[in-house]
Amino acid sequence: MPTIVENSTYATFVNVFTCTPADQDEVVRINAEIIDRVAVGRPGFISASIHRSTDGTRVFNYLQWETPEHLAHMQRSPEFSQVARQLAGLIQFEPHQCEVVHVGETAAPS
């Protein structure tokens, strides 16, 4: 489970995949396959979560890696290329490296 903290030492990425509503389930499935089959267990991997927009036009993934280089190394792997090829023609892709600057939380019940 991702732990989101301000000013963390790890690298955070938010990727936006724009798709048609008819393709959204497939884009989610491919992202999950990349996480489960390629990313989990690789050096530097911390966590990933996938989110879908309720209008069917976007899929977001929130990634945490120890460094950007760890993510880049995974993305250069043959395993990643094999799965990511399935996204061709389904999406427009916007990758973003981010800094977590604020986290609001509800206080734990007493």
C-alpha atoms as a PDB file:
ATOM      1  CA  MET A   1       0.000   0.000   0.000  1.00  0.00           C
ATOM      2  CA  PRO A   2       1.401   3.415  -0.905  1.00  0.00           C
ATOM      3  CA  THR A   3       2.428   5.650   1.939  1.00  0.00           C
ATOM      4  CA  ILE A   4       2.239   9.259   0.830  1.00  0.00           C
ATOM      5  CA  VAL A   5       4.433  11.606   2.809  1.00  0.00           C
ATOM      6  CA  GLU A   6       5.596  15.148   2.257  1.00  0.00           C
ATOM      7  CA  ASN A   7       9.191  15.746   1.189  1.00  0.00           C
ATOM      8  CA  SER A   8       9.966  12.044   0.854  1.00  0.00           C
ATOM      9  CA  THR A   9      13.307  10.832  -0.423  1.00  0.00           C
ATOM     10  CA  TYR A  10      11.765   8.550  -3.044  1.00  0.00           C
ATOM     11  CA  ALA A  11      10.633   9.490  -6.538  1.00  0.00           C
ATOM     12  CA  THR A  12       6.914   9.942  -7.201  1.00  0.00           C
ATOM     13  CA  PHE A  13       5.326   9.744 -10.633  1.00  0.00           C
ATOM     14  CA  VAL A  14       1.768  10.424 -11.738  1.00  0.00           C
ATOM     15  CA  ASN A  15       1.058   9.184 -15.253  1.00  0.00           C
ATOM     16  CA  VAL A  16      -2.064  10.140 -17.165  1.00  0.00           C
ATOM     17  CA  PHE A  17      -3.374   7.866 -19.913  1.00  0.00           C
ATOM     18  CA  THR A  18      -6.105   9.419 -22.066  1.00  0.00           C
ATOM     19  CA  CYS A  19      -8.309   6.833 -23.758  1.00  0.00           C
ATOM     20  CA  THR A  20     -11.799   6.211 -25.056  1.00  0.00           C
ATOM     21  CA  PRO A  21     -14.383   4.838 -22.631  1.00  0.00           C
ATOM     22  CA  ALA A  22     -14.454   1.640 -24.716  1.00  0.00           C
ATOM     23  CA  ASP A  23     -10.700   1.138 -24.101  1.00  0.00           C
ATOM     24  CA  GLN A  24     -10.509   2.144 -20.434  1.00  0.00           C
ATOM     25  CA  ASP A  25     -10.802  -1.386 -19.006  1.00  0.00           C
ATOM     26  CA  GLU A  26      -8.027  -2.596 -21.315  1.00  0.00           C
ATOM     27  CA  VAL A  27      -5.759   0.316 -20.336  1.00  0.00           C
ATOM     28  CA  VAL A  28      -6.370  -0.522 -16.662  1.00  0.00           C
ATOM     29  CA  ARG A  29      -5.622  -4.202 -17.317  1.00  0.00           C
ATOM     30  CA  ILE A  30      -2.361  -3.433 -19.132  1.00  0.00           C
ATOM     31  CA  ASN A  31      -1.221  -1.074 -16.360  1.00  0.00           C
ATOM     32  CA  ALA A  32      -1.983  -3.742 -13.758  1.00  0.00           C
ATOM     33  CA  GLU A  33      -0.036  -6.302 -15.788  1.00  0.00           C
ATOM     34  CA  ILE A  34       2.983  -3.986 -15.950  1.00  0.00           C
ATOM     35  CA  ILE A  35       2.851  -3.504 -12.190  1.00  0.00           C
ATOM     36  CA  ASP A  36       2.256  -7.121 -11.240  1.00  0.00           C
ATOM     37  CA  ARG A  37       4.403  -8.821 -13.882  1.00  0.00           C
ATOM     38  CA  VAL A  38       7.221  -6.337 -14.436  1.00  0.00           C
ATOM     39  CA  ALA A  39       7.568  -3.759 -11.629  1.00  0.00           C
ATOM     40  CA  VAL A  40       6.879  -5.711  -8.432  1.00  0.00           C
ATOM     41  CA  GLY A  41      10.105  -7.224  -7.162  1.00  0.00           C
ATOM     42  CA  ARG A  42      12.400  -5.015  -9.247  1.00  0.00           C
ATOM     43  CA  PRO A  43      15.120  -3.106  -7.430  1.00  0.00           C
ATOM     44  CA  GLY A  44      13.857   0.289  -6.300  1.00  0.00           C
ATOM     45  CA  PHE A  45      10.136  -0.434  -6.662  1.00  0.00           C
ATOM     46  CA  ILE A  46       8.075   0.833  -3.718  1.00  0.00           C
ATOM     47  CA  SER A  47       4.427   0.908  -4.797  1.00  0.00           C
ATOM     48  CA  ALA A  48       1.959   1.651  -7.556  1.00  0.00           C
ATOM     49  CA  SER A  49      -1.758   2.287  -7.694  1.00  0.00           C
ATOM     50  CA  ILE A  50      -4.112   2.623 -10.649  1.00  0.00           C
ATOM     51  CA  HIS A  51      -7.081   4.977 -10.770  1.00  0.00           C
ATOM     52  CA  ARG A  52      -9.766   5.394 -13.426  1.00  0.00           C
ATOM     53  CA  SER A  53     -11.876   8.435 -14.163  1.00  0.00           C
ATOM     54  CA  THR A  54     -15.596   7.937 -13.785  1.00  0.00           C
ATOM     55  CA  ASP A  55     -16.224   9.362 -17.274  1.00  0.00           C
ATOM     56  CA  GLY A  56     -14.119   6.589 -18.843  1.00  0.00           C
ATOM     57  CA  THR A  57     -11.609   8.883 -20.544  1.00  0.00           C
ATOM     58  CA  ARG A  58      -8.582   8.643 -18.251  1.00  0.00           C
ATOM     59  CA  VAL A  59      -6.472   6.145 -16.349  1.00  0.00           C
ATOM     60  CA  PHE A  60      -3.926   7.391 -13.827  1.00  0.00           C
ATOM     61  CA  ASN A  61      -1.128   5.511 -12.165  1.00  0.00           C
ATOM     62  CA  TYR A  62       0.634   6.727  -9.055  1.00  0.00           C
ATOM     63  CA  LEU A  63       4.133   5.244  -8.799  1.00  0.00           C
ATOM     64  CA  GLN A  64       6.731   5.348  -6.059  1.00  0.00           C
ATOM     65  CA  TRP A  65      10.323   4.310  -6.811  1.00  0.00           C
ATOM     66  CA  GLU A  66      13.500   4.809  -4.797  1.00  0.00           C
ATOM     67  CA  THR A  67      14.941   6.889  -7.674  1.00  0.00           C
ATOM     68  CA  PRO A  68      13.943   7.929 -11.202  1.00  0.00           C
ATOM     69  CA  GLU A  69      16.782   5.728 -12.466  1.00  0.00           C
ATOM     70  CA  HIS A  70      15.136   2.625 -10.985  1.00  0.00           C
ATOM     71  CA  LEU A  71      11.956   3.351 -12.960  1.00  0.00           C
ATOM     72  CA  ALA A  72      13.949   4.067 -16.132  1.00  0.00           C
ATOM     73  CA  HIS A  73      15.817   0.774 -15.756  1.00  0.00           C
ATOM     74  CA  MET A  74      12.522  -1.132 -15.517  1.00  0.00           C
ATOM     75  CA  GLN A  75      11.164   0.740 -18.554  1.00  0.00           C
ATOM     76  CA  ARG A  76      14.191  -0.360 -20.611  1.00  0.00           C
ATOM     77  CA  SER A  77      13.586  -4.032 -19.824  1.00  0.00           C
ATOM     78  CA  PRO A  78      12.334  -6.450 -22.494  1.00  0.00           C
ATOM     79  CA  GLU A  79       9.517  -7.489 -20.139  1.00  0.00           C
ATOM     80  CA  PHE A  80       8.235  -3.913 -19.942  1.00  0.00           C
ATOM     81  CA  SER A  81       8.472  -3.424 -23.708  1.00  0.00           C
ATOM     82  CA  GLN A  82       6.531  -6.620 -24.340  1.00  0.00           C
ATOM     83  CA  VAL A  83       3.599  -5.579 -22.136  1.00  0.00           C
ATOM     84  CA  ALA A  84       3.670  -1.823 -22.871  1.00  0.00           C
ATOM     85  CA  ARG A  85       3.400  -2.510 -26.624  1.00  0.00           C
ATOM     86  CA  GLN A  86      -0.218  -3.435 -25.962  1.00  0.00           C
ATOM     87  CA  LEU A  87      -0.947   0.241 -25.217  1.00  0.00           C
ATOM     88  CA  ALA A  88      -0.094   1.297 -28.791  1.00  0.00           C
ATOM     89  CA  GLY A  89      -3.093   2.939 -30.396  1.00  0.00           C
ATOM     90  CA  LEU A  90      -5.146   2.937 -27.193  1.00  0.00           C
ATOM     91  CA  ILE A  91      -3.801   5.983 -25.352  1.00  0.00           C
ATOM     92  CA  GLN A  92      -2.234   9.377 -25.283  1.00  0.00           C
ATOM     93  CA  PHE A  93       0.350   9.369 -22.487  1.00  0.00           C
ATOM     94  CA  GLU A  94       1.469  12.153 -20.139  1.00  0.00           C
ATOM     95  CA  PRO A  95       4.187  11.175 -17.639  1.00  0.00           C
ATOM     96  CA  HIS A  96       4.864  13.473 -14.683  1.00  0.00           C
ATOM     97  CA  GLN A  97       7.518  13.266 -11.982  1.00  0.00           C
ATOM     98  CA  CYS A  98       6.113  14.997  -8.906  1.00  0.00           C
ATOM     99  CA  GLU A  99       7.041  16.145  -5.426  1.00  0.00           C
ATOM    100  CA  VAL A 100       4.600  15.501  -2.602  1.00  0.00           C
ATOM    101  CA  VAL A 101       4.310  18.888  -0.909  1.00  0.00           C
ATOM    102  CA  HIS A 102       1.264  18.459   1.318  1.00  0.00           C
ATOM    103  CA  VAL A 103      -0.744  15.584   2.769  1.00  0.00           C
ATOM    104  CA  GLY A 104      -3.979  16.195   4.680  1.00  0.00           C
ATOM    105  CA  GLU A 105      -5.160  13.466   7.005  1.00  0.00           C
ATOM    106  CA  THR A 106      -8.007  12.885   9.389  1.00  0.00           C
ATOM    107  CA  ALA A 107      -6.819  12.493  12.954  1.00  0.00           C
ATOM    108  CA  ALA A 108      -7.036   8.946  14.291  1.00  0.00           C
ATOM    109  CA  PRO A 109     -10.098   8.409  16.494  1.00  0.00           C
ATOM    110  CA  SER A 110      -9.428   8.564  20.211  1.00  0.00           C
END
